[in-house]
N, C-alpha and C. Protein backbone atom coordinates (compact mmCIF):
# COMPACT_ATOMS: atom_id res chain seq x y z
N MET A 1 -35.10 47.91 17.79
CA MET A 1 -35.43 47.13 17.57
C MET A 1 -35.66 47.07 15.67
N ASP A 2 -35.68 46.29 15.34
CA ASP A 2 -36.04 45.97 13.98
C ASP A 2 -37.80 46.45 13.70
N LYS A 3 -37.95 47.04 12.75
CA LYS A 3 -39.86 47.55 12.88
C LYS A 3 -40.30 45.79 12.86
N GLY A 4 -39.96 45.56 11.41
CA GLY A 4 -40.45 44.35 11.00
C GLY A 4 -40.56 43.11 12.27
N ALA A 5 -39.27 43.40 12.94
CA ALA A 5 -39.57 42.58 15.20
C ALA A 5 -40.97 42.57 15.09
N LEU A 6 -40.38 44.22 15.53
CA LEU A 6 -41.89 44.95 16.75
C LEU A 6 -43.30 44.59 16.22
N ASP A 7 -43.34 44.82 15.15
CA ASP A 7 -44.56 44.60 14.12
C ASP A 7 -45.04 43.28 14.01
N LYS A 8 -44.60 42.20 14.55
CA LYS A 8 -44.77 41.07 15.14
C LYS A 8 -45.33 41.03 15.98
N LEU A 9 -44.01 41.01 17.31
CA LEU A 9 -44.80 41.36 18.60
C LEU A 9 -45.83 41.80 18.83
N LEU A 10 -46.18 42.91 17.99
CA LEU A 10 -47.48 43.51 18.19
C LEU A 10 -48.60 42.47 17.55
N LEU A 11 -48.69 42.14 16.88
CA LEU A 11 -49.70 40.98 16.48
C LEU A 11 -50.05 40.62 17.35
N ASP A 12 -48.93 39.53 17.64
CA ASP A 12 -48.89 38.40 18.00
C ASP A 12 -49.54 38.90 20.06
N ALA A 13 -49.28 40.25 20.06
CA ALA A 13 -49.85 40.42 21.45
C ALA A 13 -51.33 40.96 21.37
N HIS A 14 -51.59 41.24 20.19
CA HIS A 14 -53.21 41.43 19.55
C HIS A 14 -53.59 40.51 19.52
N SER A 15 -53.37 38.87 18.89
CA SER A 15 -54.09 37.78 18.56
C SER A 15 -54.07 37.40 20.19
N ARG A 16 -53.55 37.64 21.52
CA ARG A 16 -53.61 36.65 22.18
C ARG A 16 -54.05 37.96 23.26
N ASN A 17 -54.76 39.00 22.81
CA ASN A 17 -55.20 40.14 23.63
C ASN A 17 -54.41 40.39 24.99
N ASP A 18 -53.42 40.47 24.63
CA ASP A 18 -51.96 40.60 25.83
C ASP A 18 -51.79 42.20 26.30
N HIS A 19 -52.63 42.96 27.22
CA HIS A 19 -52.90 44.26 26.96
C HIS A 19 -51.72 44.29 27.60
N LYS A 20 -51.03 43.98 28.87
CA LYS A 20 -49.67 44.48 29.19
C LYS A 20 -48.51 44.34 27.68
N ASP A 21 -48.12 43.46 27.19
CA ASP A 21 -47.85 43.41 26.34
C ASP A 21 -48.09 44.65 25.51
N LEU A 22 -49.33 44.54 25.23
CA LEU A 22 -49.57 45.85 24.27
C LEU A 22 -49.07 47.10 24.52
N VAL A 23 -49.22 47.44 25.59
CA VAL A 23 -48.71 48.93 26.49
C VAL A 23 -46.72 48.57 26.24
N ARG A 24 -46.42 48.14 26.68
CA ARG A 24 -44.98 47.45 26.48
C ARG A 24 -44.09 47.73 24.93
N TYR A 25 -45.03 46.82 23.69
CA TYR A 25 -44.75 47.13 22.61
C TYR A 25 -45.14 48.15 21.71
N TYR A 26 -46.07 49.00 22.01
CA TYR A 26 -46.36 50.56 21.73
C TYR A 26 -45.73 51.30 22.27
N GLY A 27 -45.36 51.77 23.40
CA GLY A 27 -44.18 51.99 24.08
C GLY A 27 -42.98 52.56 23.50
N LEU A 28 -42.73 50.22 23.43
CA LEU A 28 -41.42 50.79 22.73
C LEU A 28 -41.13 51.13 21.57
N ALA A 29 -42.31 50.99 20.53
CA ALA A 29 -42.65 51.70 19.07
C ALA A 29 -42.56 52.84 18.84
N ALA A 30 -43.19 53.67 19.99
CA ALA A 30 -43.34 55.25 20.70
C ALA A 30 -41.86 55.62 20.66
N ASP A 31 -40.95 55.17 21.62
CA ASP A 31 -39.74 55.43 22.44
C ASP A 31 -38.80 55.68 20.82
N GLU A 32 -39.29 54.02 20.07
CA GLU A 32 -38.01 54.74 18.44
C GLU A 32 -38.84 55.57 17.71
N SER A 33 -40.06 55.83 17.91
CA SER A 33 -40.52 57.11 16.81
C SER A 33 -39.83 58.44 16.99
N GLU A 34 -39.89 58.46 18.53
CA GLU A 34 -39.68 59.69 19.26
C GLU A 34 -38.32 59.62 19.04
N ALA A 35 -37.13 59.29 18.71
CA ALA A 35 -36.30 58.82 18.72
C ALA A 35 -35.63 59.39 17.30
N LYS A 36 -36.25 59.10 16.69
CA LYS A 36 -36.03 59.22 15.02
C LYS A 36 -36.64 60.52 14.61
N GLY A 37 -37.49 61.83 15.74
CA GLY A 37 -37.81 62.95 15.51
C GLY A 37 -39.17 62.82 14.85
N ASP A 38 -40.01 61.74 14.95
CA ASP A 38 -41.13 61.61 14.57
C ASP A 38 -42.09 61.72 15.42
N ILE A 39 -42.55 62.64 15.80
CA ILE A 39 -43.08 63.01 16.78
C ILE A 39 -44.67 62.74 16.86
N ASP A 40 -45.42 62.67 15.59
CA ASP A 40 -46.61 62.24 14.96
C ASP A 40 -46.86 60.95 15.79
N ALA A 41 -45.61 59.86 14.69
CA ALA A 41 -45.80 58.56 14.88
C ALA A 41 -45.56 58.07 16.49
N ALA A 42 -44.62 59.02 17.11
CA ALA A 42 -44.99 58.61 18.65
C ALA A 42 -45.91 58.63 19.24
N CYS A 43 -46.70 60.05 19.29
CA CYS A 43 -47.63 60.35 19.24
C CYS A 43 -48.82 59.20 19.26
N PHE A 44 -48.63 58.60 18.30
CA PHE A 44 -50.02 57.57 17.42
C PHE A 44 -49.75 56.46 18.50
N TYR A 45 -48.36 56.06 18.54
CA TYR A 45 -48.16 54.78 19.51
C TYR A 45 -48.71 54.82 20.76
N LEU A 46 -48.39 56.26 21.52
CA LEU A 46 -48.13 56.52 22.99
C LEU A 46 -49.53 56.08 23.03
N THR A 47 -51.04 56.98 22.02
CA THR A 47 -51.92 56.78 22.11
C THR A 47 -52.61 55.58 22.49
N HIS A 48 -52.48 54.53 21.83
CA HIS A 48 -52.54 53.05 22.02
C HIS A 48 -51.72 52.53 22.85
N ALA A 49 -50.51 52.90 23.57
CA ALA A 49 -50.34 52.56 24.49
C ALA A 49 -50.89 52.79 25.57
N PHE A 50 -51.76 53.79 25.93
CA PHE A 50 -52.11 54.76 26.89
C PHE A 50 -53.76 53.98 26.96
N VAL A 51 -54.36 53.66 25.60
CA VAL A 51 -55.41 53.13 25.71
C VAL A 51 -55.64 51.35 26.48
N PHE A 52 -54.27 50.70 26.25
CA PHE A 52 -54.26 49.27 26.53
C PHE A 52 -54.15 49.82 28.08
N ALA A 53 -53.27 49.98 28.20
CA ALA A 53 -52.55 50.44 29.50
C ALA A 53 -54.08 50.94 30.65
N LEU A 54 -55.05 51.33 30.08
CA LEU A 54 -56.29 52.43 30.80
C LEU A 54 -56.71 50.95 31.46
N GLU A 55 -56.88 49.82 29.62
CA GLU A 55 -58.26 48.71 29.83
C GLU A 55 -57.63 47.77 31.15
N ALA A 56 -55.92 48.19 31.01
CA ALA A 56 -55.76 47.02 31.44
C ALA A 56 -54.81 47.20 33.46
N GLY A 57 -55.47 48.37 33.10
CA GLY A 57 -55.44 49.07 34.99
C GLY A 57 -53.88 49.14 35.39
N THR A 58 -53.12 49.10 34.22
CA THR A 58 -51.26 49.06 34.99
C THR A 58 -51.08 50.58 34.95
N PRO A 59 -50.04 50.74 36.02
CA PRO A 59 -49.81 52.15 35.77
C PRO A 59 -48.95 52.67 34.93
N GLU A 60 -48.87 52.06 34.20
CA GLU A 60 -47.81 53.04 32.96
C GLU A 60 -48.72 54.53 32.03
N ALA A 61 -50.43 53.79 32.91
CA ALA A 61 -50.98 54.53 32.01
C ALA A 61 -50.89 56.33 32.58
N ASP A 62 -50.19 56.72 33.98
CA ASP A 62 -49.75 57.91 34.08
C ASP A 62 -48.86 58.38 33.28
N ALA A 63 -47.41 58.11 33.28
CA ALA A 63 -46.56 58.57 31.99
C ALA A 63 -47.02 58.00 31.28
N LEU A 64 -47.78 57.69 30.30
CA LEU A 64 -48.21 57.70 29.30
C LEU A 64 -48.83 58.71 28.72
N ASN A 65 -49.69 58.99 29.37
CA ASN A 65 -50.81 60.57 29.87
C ASN A 65 -49.85 61.28 29.19
N ALA A 66 -48.81 61.64 30.87
CA ALA A 66 -48.23 62.92 30.66
C ALA A 66 -46.59 63.12 29.29
N ARG A 67 -46.94 62.04 28.56
CA ARG A 67 -46.00 62.07 27.63
C ARG A 67 -46.90 62.14 26.43
N LEU A 68 -48.25 61.85 26.05
CA LEU A 68 -49.07 62.48 25.43
C LEU A 68 -49.57 64.12 25.66
N ALA A 69 -49.38 64.76 26.69
CA ALA A 69 -49.80 66.03 27.02
C ALA A 69 -48.65 66.97 27.14
N GLU A 70 -47.22 66.16 27.34
CA GLU A 70 -46.27 66.74 26.94
C GLU A 70 -46.40 67.64 25.47
N HIS A 71 -46.07 66.57 24.37
CA HIS A 71 -46.50 66.77 22.89
C HIS A 71 -47.75 67.81 22.85
N GLY A 72 -48.38 67.48 23.96
CA GLY A 72 -49.78 68.58 23.42
C GLY A 72 -50.97 68.16 22.35
N ARG A 73 -51.07 66.79 22.91
CA ARG A 73 -52.16 65.40 22.06
C ARG A 73 -53.35 65.02 23.08
N ALA A 74 -53.08 65.54 24.36
CA ALA A 74 -53.78 65.09 26.04
C ALA A 74 -53.62 66.03 26.81
N GLU A 75 -55.08 66.23 27.38
CA GLU A 75 -54.73 66.89 28.86
C GLU A 75 -54.18 65.72 29.58
N ARG A 76 -53.29 66.57 30.81
CA ARG A 76 -52.79 65.63 31.73
C ARG A 76 -54.00 65.17 32.60
N LEU A 77 -54.51 63.95 33.27
CA LEU A 77 -55.25 63.27 33.77
C LEU A 77 -54.47 62.91 34.98
N MET A 78 -55.57 63.25 36.04
CA MET A 78 -54.55 62.47 37.64
C MET A 78 -55.24 61.58 37.99
N PHE A 79 -53.81 60.13 38.25
CA PHE A 79 -54.67 58.84 38.76
C PHE A 79 -53.95 59.17 40.22
């Protein structure tokens, strides 16, 4: 997805305070950054996705935490 389009989706989700969309779009941004080899950016986006997943109580929190732990950016939590 075009970065500009993804940024617009993120801004829209923030304006609507839609945590489920924020989890989805930050996760997508993380996937795209990771595919490009930019692990720092990927972990930045993963952290945001993880926080919004925790706030929304969505099941994605577990997988997001696992990805952060794999990159040495978080401790593995048990959900």
